Amino acid sequence: MSHHPDCVSPTENSPPPGSDRRLFVLDTNVLMHDPTALFRFKEHDIHLPMMVLEELDRAKKGVSEVARNVRQVSRFLDDLIAGASKEEIDRGLPLPGPLNSHGGLASGRLFFQVRPNRIAPPASLPGNAPDNDILSMALTLQQDHPRRPVTLVSKDINLRIKAAILGIHAEDYYNDQTLDDVNLLYAGTRELPADFWDSHGQMLDSWKESGRTFYRVHGPDVAHWHPNQGLFPDGDQAAFIVRQLRDGEAVIEILKDRTASNHAVWGITARNREQNFALNLLLDPEIDFVSLLGVAGTGKTLLALAAGLAQTLDAKRYREIIMTRVTVPVGEDIGFLPGTEEEKMTPWMGALMDNLEVLAPKEGGEWGRAATADLLSSKIKIRSLNFMRGRTFQSKYLIIDEAQNLTAKQMKTLITRAGPGTKVICLGNIAQIDTPYLSETTSGLTYVVDRFKDWPHGGHVTLRRGERSRLAEFASERL
């Protein structure tokens, strides 16, 4: 079967022109990261070393995401191998795949290692046995199939470096990448060109509705807009939000100016246009999902909390605020923590406590401040991610902090907890990922920003300017 250009592998580089189907040797960490990787290689063949099956067996116990993925891989392998004879296994098990350009099934085959490797890595190559075993298999396959490109797929950078030294073509696993480049990620805002009203002013409708001003515009730029996107003209003119998009026309609304003190939210005013837009999204009852991206000190947590308190305590739109985050420490782990779920999560919620100090009123004396702190604490519940499966949150304001450390699957588990009347806010900084095997382009936060950008009830904004202090802003830029 010749290689068709539409049947590419999930790795970044396509095979050399004129080559046959490729042979992929999978490392254990690829399957631990994505159990469906077995079915992502279209018409190409996959070889699994015995060492990979051994490592999967060792990692199957526990309740972690990795252990769950490993058990899923085992179930997939069991389904594939069910009813197959020894001869069929030796010939390779057909993998279900998408249709090729001729309308036939582009099925690759799955091979298991059935005999010892004939070629061992050089004796001068020290290191762990599992890695060397996988390298040996790739070298053996290269010798057995000189006309077919053999590629080792691993998320382990050091193994890929070793492979390159030994002359084995190695690649990262790219199928889980939402984008090729994180700079292409949807920012949620757009600069309007200086001649915007000249080119889009024809057939302009405008009307007012319960104190809000709307415009219906037509023109070439409308095709590039997304629902609930912020539009910023040059200078100090009013900004807009896209409310509706249909057949080359858009309905846009003038944003409420949250930088003015008479429009403050729980005592907080926006300090720049992105914060102004973020507050408009957070306070909009028609928007059920908001994602805020930004470096440290851009005000993500403060804005989300201020908007949450205003809608929970003043507007009574939500019953309570639920805050959760991934517990990945920056330094060494401090071991088991005593107490209830809330008490265990408290050390991780320093950001929440710092922001509550800012939001608590300054006047009213010590008793007044203590009473307000108690009231705020009663309305804000801290929950661990570990106990989220099977729950349903109704009329809650759910804040997921440090969301860049979540995988796409974990993100789906969390967002699908939302019941009627619940709003979900994801906060994070994709430049600050602490989870191994996640990068800026594979983070669950990047995934949801990209997937929700065309949904009429979702909004996103990337906060650009640090507002914490001149020291923090200088450190963010220079260090």
Protein backbone atom coordinates (compact mmCIF):
# COMPACT_ATOMS: atom_id res chain seq x y z
CA MET A 1 0.00 0.00 0.00
CA SER A 2 1.55 3.29 -1.04
CA HIS A 3 1.59 6.27 1.29
CA HIS A 4 -1.16 8.82 0.69
CA PRO A 5 -0.61 12.42 1.69
CA ASP A 6 -3.89 12.51 3.59
CA CYS A 7 -2.86 9.58 5.77
CA VAL A 8 -0.25 11.07 8.02
CA SER A 9 0.94 9.96 11.38
CA PRO A 10 0.33 11.89 14.57
CA THR A 11 3.97 12.87 14.68
CA GLU A 12 5.09 16.14 13.24
CA ASN A 13 7.18 15.04 10.28
CA SER A 14 5.59 13.10 7.45
CA PRO A 15 7.49 10.13 5.97
CA PRO A 16 10.00 10.62 3.18
CA PRO A 17 8.39 10.79 -0.29
CA GLY A 18 7.80 7.43 -1.95
CA SER A 19 8.26 5.45 1.27
CA ASP A 20 5.96 2.66 2.32
CA ARG A 21 3.98 2.57 5.53
CA ARG A 22 6.07 3.57 8.51
CA LEU A 23 6.95 1.46 11.54
CA PHE A 24 6.41 3.11 14.91
CA VAL A 25 7.92 1.84 18.16
CA LEU A 26 5.90 3.29 21.06
CA ASP A 27 7.43 4.15 24.40
CA THR A 28 5.40 3.47 27.57
CA ASN A 29 4.92 7.15 28.42
CA VAL A 30 2.99 7.78 25.17
CA LEU A 31 0.35 5.21 26.17
CA MET A 32 0.33 6.48 29.76
CA HIS A 33 -0.33 9.97 28.43
CA ASP A 34 -2.97 9.03 25.82
CA PRO A 35 -4.47 5.49 25.85
CA THR A 36 -6.03 6.08 22.41
CA ALA A 37 -2.54 6.57 20.90
CA LEU A 38 -2.83 2.97 19.62
CA PHE A 39 -5.47 4.15 17.12
CA ARG A 40 -3.87 7.46 16.11
CA PHE A 41 -1.32 6.22 13.58
CA LYS A 42 -3.71 5.71 10.63
CA GLU A 43 -2.29 3.27 8.05
CA HIS A 44 1.11 2.85 9.76
CA ASP A 45 2.25 -0.16 11.82
CA ILE A 46 2.93 -0.09 15.57
CA HIS A 47 5.42 -2.30 17.41
CA LEU A 48 5.17 -2.71 21.19
CA PRO A 49 8.31 -4.00 22.97
CA MET A 50 7.72 -6.49 25.82
CA MET A 51 9.39 -4.00 28.14
CA VAL A 52 6.50 -1.56 27.48
CA LEU A 53 3.96 -4.20 28.55
CA GLU A 54 6.06 -4.84 31.69
CA GLU A 55 6.16 -1.13 32.56
CA LEU A 56 2.40 -0.83 31.96
CA ASP A 57 1.84 -3.76 34.32
CA ARG A 58 3.90 -2.08 37.05
CA ALA A 59 1.96 1.21 36.72
CA LYS A 60 -1.61 -0.14 36.72
CA LYS A 61 -2.32 0.11 40.47
CA GLY A 62 -3.70 3.24 42.10
CA VAL A 63 -6.26 5.97 41.47
CA SER A 64 -4.02 8.45 39.65
CA GLU A 65 -4.74 9.62 36.09
CA VAL A 66 -1.69 7.63 34.87
CA ALA A 67 -2.91 4.39 36.50
CA ARG A 68 -6.38 4.95 35.00
CA ASN A 69 -4.86 5.48 31.54
CA VAL A 70 -2.71 2.35 31.89
CA ARG A 71 -5.77 0.23 32.76
CA GLN A 72 -7.55 1.66 29.70
CA VAL A 73 -4.58 0.69 27.47
CA SER A 74 -4.73 -2.85 28.89
CA ARG A 75 -8.46 -3.03 28.07
CA PHE A 76 -7.80 -1.83 24.49
CA LEU A 77 -5.05 -4.44 24.04
CA ASP A 78 -7.31 -7.13 25.49
CA ASP A 79 -10.11 -6.21 23.02
CA LEU A 80 -7.67 -6.29 20.09
CA ILE A 81 -6.15 -9.63 21.07
CA ALA A 82 -9.47 -11.34 21.97
CA GLY A 83 -10.01 -14.47 19.88
CA ALA A 84 -6.78 -14.05 17.88
CA SER A 85 -4.60 -17.14 17.33
CA LYS A 86 -0.81 -17.17 17.85
CA GLU A 87 -0.31 -17.01 14.04
CA GLU A 88 -2.61 -13.96 13.75
CA ILE A 89 -0.75 -12.19 16.56
CA ASP A 90 2.58 -12.93 14.82
CA ARG A 91 1.20 -11.50 11.54
CA GLY A 92 0.04 -8.35 13.34
CA LEU A 93 -3.39 -7.43 14.69
CA PRO A 94 -5.35 -5.07 12.42
CA LEU A 95 -5.97 -1.68 14.08
CA PRO A 96 -9.24 0.10 13.27
CA GLY A 97 -8.48 3.35 11.43
CA PRO A 98 -10.11 6.05 9.29
CA LEU A 99 -10.99 5.63 5.60
CA ASN A 100 -8.20 6.24 3.11
CA SER A 101 -8.54 8.17 -0.16
CA HIS A 102 -9.81 5.04 -2.00
CA GLY A 103 -12.66 4.58 0.48
CA GLY A 104 -11.03 1.51 2.04
CA LEU A 105 -10.11 1.24 5.70
CA ALA A 106 -6.62 2.66 6.31
CA SER A 107 -5.72 0.02 8.84
CA GLY A 108 -2.26 -0.33 10.27
CA ARG A 109 -1.23 -3.38 12.28
CA LEU A 110 -0.16 -3.84 15.88
CA PHE A 111 2.87 -6.11 16.46
CA PHE A 112 4.14 -7.40 19.80
CA GLN A 113 7.75 -8.33 20.40
CA VAL A 114 7.83 -12.13 20.09
CA ARG A 115 11.56 -12.84 20.03
CA PRO A 116 14.62 -11.37 21.77
CA ASN A 117 16.34 -8.39 20.15
CA ARG A 118 19.31 -9.43 18.03
CA ILE A 119 20.99 -6.04 18.16
CA ALA A 120 21.90 -4.51 21.48
CA PRO A 121 22.91 -0.86 21.96
CA PRO A 122 26.67 -0.32 22.26
CA ALA A 123 28.11 -1.59 25.54
CA SER A 124 29.43 1.93 26.12
CA LEU A 125 25.79 3.11 26.46
CA PRO A 126 24.97 2.89 30.17
CA GLY A 127 21.60 3.79 31.59
CA ASN A 128 18.38 2.06 32.52
CA ALA A 129 17.47 -1.29 31.05
CA PRO A 130 13.92 -0.41 29.86
CA ASP A 131 15.15 2.44 27.65
CA ASN A 132 17.97 0.32 26.23
CA ASP A 133 15.51 -2.51 25.55
CA ILE A 134 13.25 -0.18 23.53
CA LEU A 135 16.30 1.17 21.63
CA SER A 136 17.40 -2.42 20.88
CA MET A 137 14.02 -3.20 19.37
CA ALA A 138 14.17 -0.09 17.15
CA LEU A 139 17.69 -1.09 15.95
CA THR A 140 16.51 -4.67 15.23
CA LEU A 141 13.50 -3.39 13.25
CA GLN A 142 15.77 -1.05 11.26
CA GLN A 143 17.87 -4.07 10.21
CA ASP A 144 14.84 -6.31 9.52
CA HIS A 145 13.01 -3.66 7.45
CA PRO A 146 15.71 -1.65 5.64
CA ARG A 147 13.19 -0.20 3.14
CA ARG A 148 10.72 1.08 5.74
CA PRO A 149 11.26 4.15 7.96
CA VAL A 150 11.40 3.11 11.63
CA THR A 151 10.43 5.83 14.14
CA LEU A 152 10.63 5.73 17.92
CA VAL A 153 7.80 7.79 19.49
CA SER A 154 8.42 8.96 23.06
CA LYS A 155 7.62 11.88 25.32
CA ASP A 156 10.96 11.31 27.08
CA ILE A 157 13.40 13.86 25.66
CA ASN A 158 16.49 11.96 26.90
CA LEU A 159 15.38 8.75 25.18
CA ARG A 160 14.87 10.69 21.94
CA ILE A 161 18.40 12.13 22.28
CA LYS A 162 19.85 8.62 22.85
CA ALA A 163 17.94 7.35 19.80
CA ALA A 164 19.30 10.15 17.62
CA ILE A 165 22.87 9.31 18.75
CA LEU A 166 22.32 5.66 17.70
CA GLY A 167 20.91 6.70 14.31
CA ILE A 168 17.24 5.94 15.12
CA HIS A 169 14.66 8.45 13.94
CA ALA A 170 12.75 9.62 17.05
CA GLU A 171 9.83 12.01 17.49
CA ASP A 172 7.60 13.40 20.21
CA TYR A 173 3.92 12.39 20.29
CA TYR A 174 2.06 15.31 18.74
CA ASN A 175 -1.52 14.10 18.36
CA ASP A 176 -2.61 15.66 21.64
CA GLN A 177 -1.41 19.10 20.62
CA THR A 178 -4.31 21.51 20.27
CA LEU A 179 -2.16 23.96 18.29
CA ASP A 180 1.18 23.87 16.49
CA ASP A 181 2.25 27.08 18.22
CA VAL A 182 0.88 28.53 21.45
CA ASN A 183 1.16 32.03 19.90
CA LEU A 184 -1.76 31.07 17.64
CA LEU A 185 -4.03 30.64 20.68
CA TYR A 186 -7.23 32.70 20.57
CA ALA A 187 -6.72 35.86 22.66
CA GLY A 188 -10.40 36.77 23.08
CA THR A 189 -9.83 40.39 22.03
CA ARG A 190 -9.25 42.12 18.71
CA GLU A 191 -7.97 45.55 17.69
CA LEU A 192 -10.33 47.35 15.30
CA PRO A 193 -8.59 49.01 12.30
CA ALA A 194 -8.59 52.83 12.19
CA ASP A 195 -10.92 52.85 9.15
CA PHE A 196 -13.35 50.33 10.67
CA TRP A 197 -16.44 52.60 10.68
CA ASP A 198 -15.71 53.78 7.13
CA SER A 199 -15.58 50.23 5.76
CA HIS A 200 -18.38 48.82 8.00
CA GLY A 201 -20.58 51.88 8.44
CA GLN A 202 -22.90 51.22 5.49
CA MET A 203 -26.25 49.61 6.39
CA LEU A 204 -25.54 50.31 10.08
CA ASP A 205 -28.43 49.76 12.52
CA SER A 206 -28.33 50.90 16.12
CA TRP A 207 -30.83 50.57 18.95
CA LYS A 208 -31.11 50.73 22.73
CA GLU A 209 -32.56 48.03 24.93
CA SER A 210 -32.90 48.36 28.73
CA GLY A 211 -29.99 50.82 28.94
CA ARG A 212 -27.71 48.85 26.58
CA THR A 213 -26.61 50.07 23.13
CA PHE A 214 -26.40 47.66 20.19
CA TYR A 215 -25.16 48.01 16.58
CA ARG A 216 -25.71 45.68 13.63
CA VAL A 217 -22.68 45.80 11.32
CA HIS A 218 -21.80 44.18 7.96
CA GLY A 219 -18.39 44.00 6.32
CA PRO A 220 -15.26 41.95 5.61
CA ASP A 221 -13.92 41.90 9.20
CA VAL A 222 -17.05 40.20 10.60
CA ALA A 223 -16.00 36.81 9.15
CA HIS A 224 -12.94 36.75 11.49
CA TRP A 225 -14.88 37.47 14.70
CA HIS A 226 -15.97 35.01 17.40
CA PRO A 227 -18.95 35.15 19.79
CA ASN A 228 -18.31 37.25 22.94
CA GLN A 229 -15.03 38.60 21.55
CA GLY A 230 -13.84 42.02 22.74
CA LEU A 231 -13.34 44.68 20.03
CA PHE A 232 -11.08 47.61 20.88
CA PRO A 233 -10.85 50.71 18.65
CA ASP A 234 -7.80 52.98 18.70
CA GLY A 235 -7.51 55.55 21.47
CA ASP A 236 -10.02 56.02 24.29
CA GLN A 237 -13.16 55.23 22.30
CA ALA A 238 -15.73 52.83 23.72
CA ALA A 239 -14.99 49.11 23.36
CA PHE A 240 -17.49 46.53 22.07
CA ILE A 241 -18.41 42.90 22.62
CA VAL A 242 -19.67 40.63 19.82
CA ARG A 243 -23.16 39.39 20.76
CA GLN A 244 -24.36 37.61 17.60
CA LEU A 245 -22.81 36.38 14.36
CA ARG A 246 -24.91 35.30 11.40
CA ASP A 247 -24.36 35.22 7.62
CA GLY A 248 -21.74 37.96 7.39
CA GLU A 249 -23.42 40.31 9.87
CA ALA A 250 -22.75 40.85 13.56
CA VAL A 251 -24.59 42.43 16.49
CA ILE A 252 -22.13 44.23 18.77
CA GLU A 253 -22.80 45.93 22.10
CA ILE A 254 -20.95 48.77 23.83
CA LEU A 255 -19.07 47.37 26.85
CA LYS A 256 -19.97 48.70 30.26
CA ASP A 257 -16.99 50.72 31.50
CA ARG A 258 -15.78 48.93 34.63
CA THR A 259 -12.77 51.24 35.01
CA ALA A 260 -15.07 53.95 36.46
CA SER A 261 -15.53 53.90 40.25
CA ASN A 262 -19.35 54.13 39.94
CA HIS A 263 -19.27 50.75 38.11
CA ALA A 264 -16.93 49.06 40.62
CA VAL A 265 -17.46 45.35 41.34
CA TRP A 266 -17.21 44.60 45.07
CA GLY A 267 -14.93 47.61 45.42
CA ILE A 268 -12.71 46.57 42.48
CA THR A 269 -12.36 48.60 39.27
CA ALA A 270 -10.65 47.43 36.09
CA ARG A 271 -7.15 48.88 35.60
CA ASN A 272 -6.80 48.18 31.87
CA ARG A 273 -9.00 47.30 28.91
CA GLU A 274 -8.48 43.53 29.16
CA GLN A 275 -9.53 43.58 32.84
CA ASN A 276 -12.55 45.69 31.86
CA PHE A 277 -13.53 43.09 29.28
CA ALA A 278 -12.90 40.21 31.74
CA LEU A 279 -15.26 41.79 34.32
CA ASN A 280 -17.95 42.20 31.65
CA LEU A 281 -17.67 38.48 30.79
CA LEU A 282 -17.62 37.38 34.44
CA LEU A 283 -20.76 39.40 35.28
CA ASP A 284 -22.75 38.38 32.19
CA PRO A 285 -25.49 35.85 33.13
CA GLU A 286 -25.69 34.66 29.49
CA ILE A 287 -22.08 33.43 29.56
CA ASP A 288 -21.67 30.07 31.32
CA PHE A 289 -17.95 29.50 30.75
CA VAL A 290 -15.11 32.04 31.06
CA SER A 291 -11.38 31.35 30.71
CA LEU A 292 -8.81 33.93 31.85
CA LEU A 293 -5.17 33.52 30.81
CA GLY A 294 -2.37 35.73 32.02
CA VAL A 295 1.01 35.86 33.72
CA ALA A 296 1.39 36.33 37.46
CA GLY A 297 -0.11 39.56 38.76
CA THR A 298 -2.57 40.27 35.93
CA GLY A 299 -5.51 40.02 38.35
CA LYS A 300 -7.12 36.73 37.26
CA THR A 301 -8.08 35.44 40.73
CA LEU A 302 -9.03 38.87 42.10
CA LEU A 303 -11.40 39.65 39.20
CA ALA A 304 -13.00 36.18 39.32
CA LEU A 305 -13.54 36.42 43.10
CA ALA A 306 -14.87 40.00 43.03
CA ALA A 307 -17.38 39.09 40.31
CA GLY A 308 -18.30 35.90 42.17
CA LEU A 309 -18.94 37.70 45.47
CA ALA A 310 -21.00 40.41 43.74
CA GLN A 311 -23.22 37.79 42.09
CA THR A 312 -23.43 35.47 45.12
CA LEU A 313 -23.97 37.94 47.97
CA ASP A 314 -25.49 40.98 46.19
CA ALA A 315 -27.34 39.67 43.12
CA LYS A 316 -28.07 36.21 44.69
CA ARG A 317 -27.54 34.66 41.23
CA TYR A 318 -25.42 31.81 42.64
CA ARG A 319 -25.72 30.01 45.95
CA GLU A 320 -22.00 29.82 46.70
CA ILE A 321 -18.52 30.03 45.22
CA ILE A 322 -16.55 26.77 44.86
CA MET A 323 -12.83 27.07 44.36
CA THR A 324 -10.54 24.22 43.35
CA ARG A 325 -7.04 23.79 41.97
CA VAL A 326 -4.49 21.12 41.09
CA THR A 327 -2.22 20.32 44.01
CA VAL A 328 1.17 20.35 42.26
CA PRO A 329 3.87 21.81 44.53
CA VAL A 330 6.62 24.04 43.14
CA GLY A 331 9.25 22.63 45.51
CA GLU A 332 9.43 19.30 47.36
CA ASP A 333 6.14 17.82 48.54
CA ILE A 334 5.44 18.48 52.24
CA GLY A 335 3.85 15.07 52.84
CA PHE A 336 0.42 14.24 54.20
CA LEU A 337 -1.63 17.07 55.68
CA PRO A 338 -3.98 16.51 58.61
CA GLY A 339 -7.66 17.41 58.77
CA THR A 340 -10.76 17.52 56.60
CA GLU A 341 -10.82 18.03 52.83
CA GLU A 342 -11.17 21.80 53.37
CA GLU A 343 -8.29 21.92 55.87
CA LYS A 344 -6.03 19.84 53.59
CA MET A 345 -6.72 22.21 50.69
CA THR A 346 -6.19 25.41 52.72
CA PRO A 347 -2.37 25.60 52.28
CA TRP A 348 -2.92 25.40 48.50
CA MET A 349 -5.39 28.27 48.64
CA GLY A 350 -3.00 31.02 49.73
CA ALA A 351 -3.97 32.96 46.59
CA LEU A 352 -7.61 32.90 47.70
CA MET A 353 -6.78 34.17 51.18
CA ASP A 354 -4.55 36.96 49.80
CA ASN A 355 -7.33 38.14 47.49
CA LEU A 356 -10.00 37.97 50.20
CA GLU A 357 -7.89 40.39 52.26
CA VAL A 358 -8.08 42.86 49.36
CA LEU A 359 -11.84 42.36 48.90
CA ALA A 360 -12.81 42.60 52.60
CA PRO A 361 -13.98 46.13 53.50
CA LYS A 362 -11.40 48.25 55.33
CA GLU A 363 -13.85 50.26 57.49
CA GLY A 364 -16.23 48.99 60.21
CA GLY A 365 -13.67 48.30 62.95
CA GLU A 366 -12.20 44.97 63.95
CA TRP A 367 -15.57 43.33 64.78
CA GLY A 368 -17.06 44.40 61.44
CA ARG A 369 -14.08 43.08 59.51
CA ALA A 370 -14.17 39.75 61.39
CA ALA A 371 -17.91 39.36 60.70
CA THR A 372 -17.39 40.09 56.99
CA ALA A 373 -14.49 37.59 56.82
CA ASP A 374 -16.77 34.92 58.38
CA LEU A 375 -19.54 35.71 55.90
CA LEU A 376 -17.16 35.50 52.93
CA SER A 377 -15.70 32.21 54.21
CA SER A 378 -19.20 30.71 54.57
CA LYS A 379 -19.97 31.52 50.93
CA ILE A 380 -16.64 30.24 49.53
CA LYS A 381 -16.09 26.49 49.62
CA ILE A 382 -12.68 24.95 48.88
CA ARG A 383 -12.86 21.56 47.19
CA SER A 384 -10.23 19.05 46.06
CA LEU A 385 -10.14 17.86 42.44
CA ASN A 386 -9.75 14.26 43.64
CA PHE A 387 -13.41 14.02 44.72
CA MET A 388 -15.09 15.65 41.72
CA ARG A 389 -16.23 12.56 39.78
CA GLY A 390 -19.98 11.97 39.91
CA ARG A 391 -20.79 15.36 41.45
CA THR A 392 -23.24 17.93 40.02
CA PHE A 393 -23.00 21.60 40.96
CA GLN A 394 -26.29 23.53 40.71
CA SER A 395 -26.38 27.35 40.84
CA LYS A 396 -22.72 27.48 41.85
CA TYR A 397 -19.89 29.78 40.75
CA LEU A 398 -17.02 27.31 40.12
CA ILE A 399 -13.47 28.70 39.91
CA ILE A 400 -10.76 26.31 38.65
CA ASP A 401 -7.42 27.91 39.55
CA GLU A 402 -4.04 26.86 38.08
CA ALA A 403 -5.97 25.15 35.25
CA GLN A 404 -2.83 24.95 33.06
CA ASN A 405 -1.77 21.88 35.09
CA LEU A 406 -4.84 19.88 34.01
CA THR A 407 -4.98 17.51 31.06
CA ALA A 408 -7.77 17.83 28.48
CA LYS A 409 -9.48 14.76 30.00
CA GLN A 410 -9.38 16.18 33.54
CA MET A 411 -10.73 19.47 32.21
CA LYS A 412 -13.66 17.64 30.60
CA THR A 413 -14.37 15.81 33.88
CA LEU A 414 -14.51 19.12 35.76
CA ILE A 415 -16.54 21.19 33.30
CA THR A 416 -19.13 18.42 32.90
CA ARG A 417 -19.87 18.74 36.66
CA ALA A 418 -21.79 21.95 35.90
CA GLY A 419 -25.53 21.63 36.47
CA PRO A 420 -28.28 24.20 35.76
CA GLY A 421 -27.41 27.79 36.67
CA THR A 422 -23.69 27.10 37.24
CA LYS A 423 -20.89 29.26 35.81
CA VAL A 424 -17.38 27.83 35.34
CA ILE A 425 -14.29 30.07 35.38
CA CYS A 426 -10.88 28.65 34.41
CA LEU A 427 -7.80 30.64 35.46
CA GLY A 428 -4.20 29.89 34.53
CA ASN A 429 -0.86 30.84 33.08
CA ILE A 430 0.31 28.42 30.36
CA ALA A 431 3.89 29.62 30.78
CA GLN A 432 3.92 28.10 34.29
CA ILE A 433 3.12 24.39 33.88
CA ASP A 434 4.29 22.14 36.75
CA THR A 435 2.88 18.80 35.49
CA PRO A 436 5.34 16.46 33.70
CA TYR A 437 4.37 15.51 30.10
CA LEU A 438 2.19 18.63 29.69
CA SER A 439 3.38 21.55 27.59
CA GLU A 440 1.88 24.87 26.53
CA THR A 441 0.28 23.30 23.45
CA THR A 442 -1.05 20.15 25.20
CA SER A 443 -2.41 21.74 28.41
CA GLY A 444 -6.11 21.27 29.14
CA LEU A 445 -6.43 25.05 29.47
CA THR A 446 -5.19 25.58 25.89
CA TYR A 447 -7.61 22.84 24.82
CA VAL A 448 -10.73 24.46 26.32
CA VAL A 449 -9.84 27.96 25.09
CA ASP A 450 -9.59 26.60 21.56
CA ARG A 451 -12.72 24.42 21.77
CA PHE A 452 -15.01 27.02 23.39
CA LYS A 453 -14.09 30.02 21.21
CA ASP A 454 -17.08 29.61 18.85
CA TRP A 455 -19.67 28.76 21.51
CA PRO A 456 -22.17 31.64 22.05
CA HIS A 457 -22.19 31.06 25.85
CA GLY A 458 -18.42 30.98 26.34
CA GLY A 459 -15.92 33.84 26.67
CA HIS A 460 -12.15 34.15 26.90
CA VAL A 461 -9.64 36.92 27.50
CA THR A 462 -5.85 36.92 27.74
CA LEU A 463 -4.74 39.48 30.32
CA ARG A 464 -1.58 41.22 29.18
CA ARG A 465 -0.53 43.76 31.80
CA GLY A 466 0.65 42.92 35.30
CA GLU A 467 -1.07 45.09 37.92
CA ARG A 468 0.38 43.56 41.09
CA SER A 469 3.26 45.98 41.64
CA ARG A 470 6.10 47.58 39.69
CA LEU A 471 8.48 45.07 41.33
CA ALA A 472 6.39 42.01 40.25
CA GLU A 473 5.96 43.37 36.73
CA PHE A 474 9.71 44.04 36.34
CA ALA A 475 10.51 40.54 37.71
CA SER A 476 8.03 38.92 35.26
CA GLU A 477 9.69 40.65 32.32
CA ARG A 478 13.37 40.37 33.27
CA LEU A 479 13.78 37.13 35.23
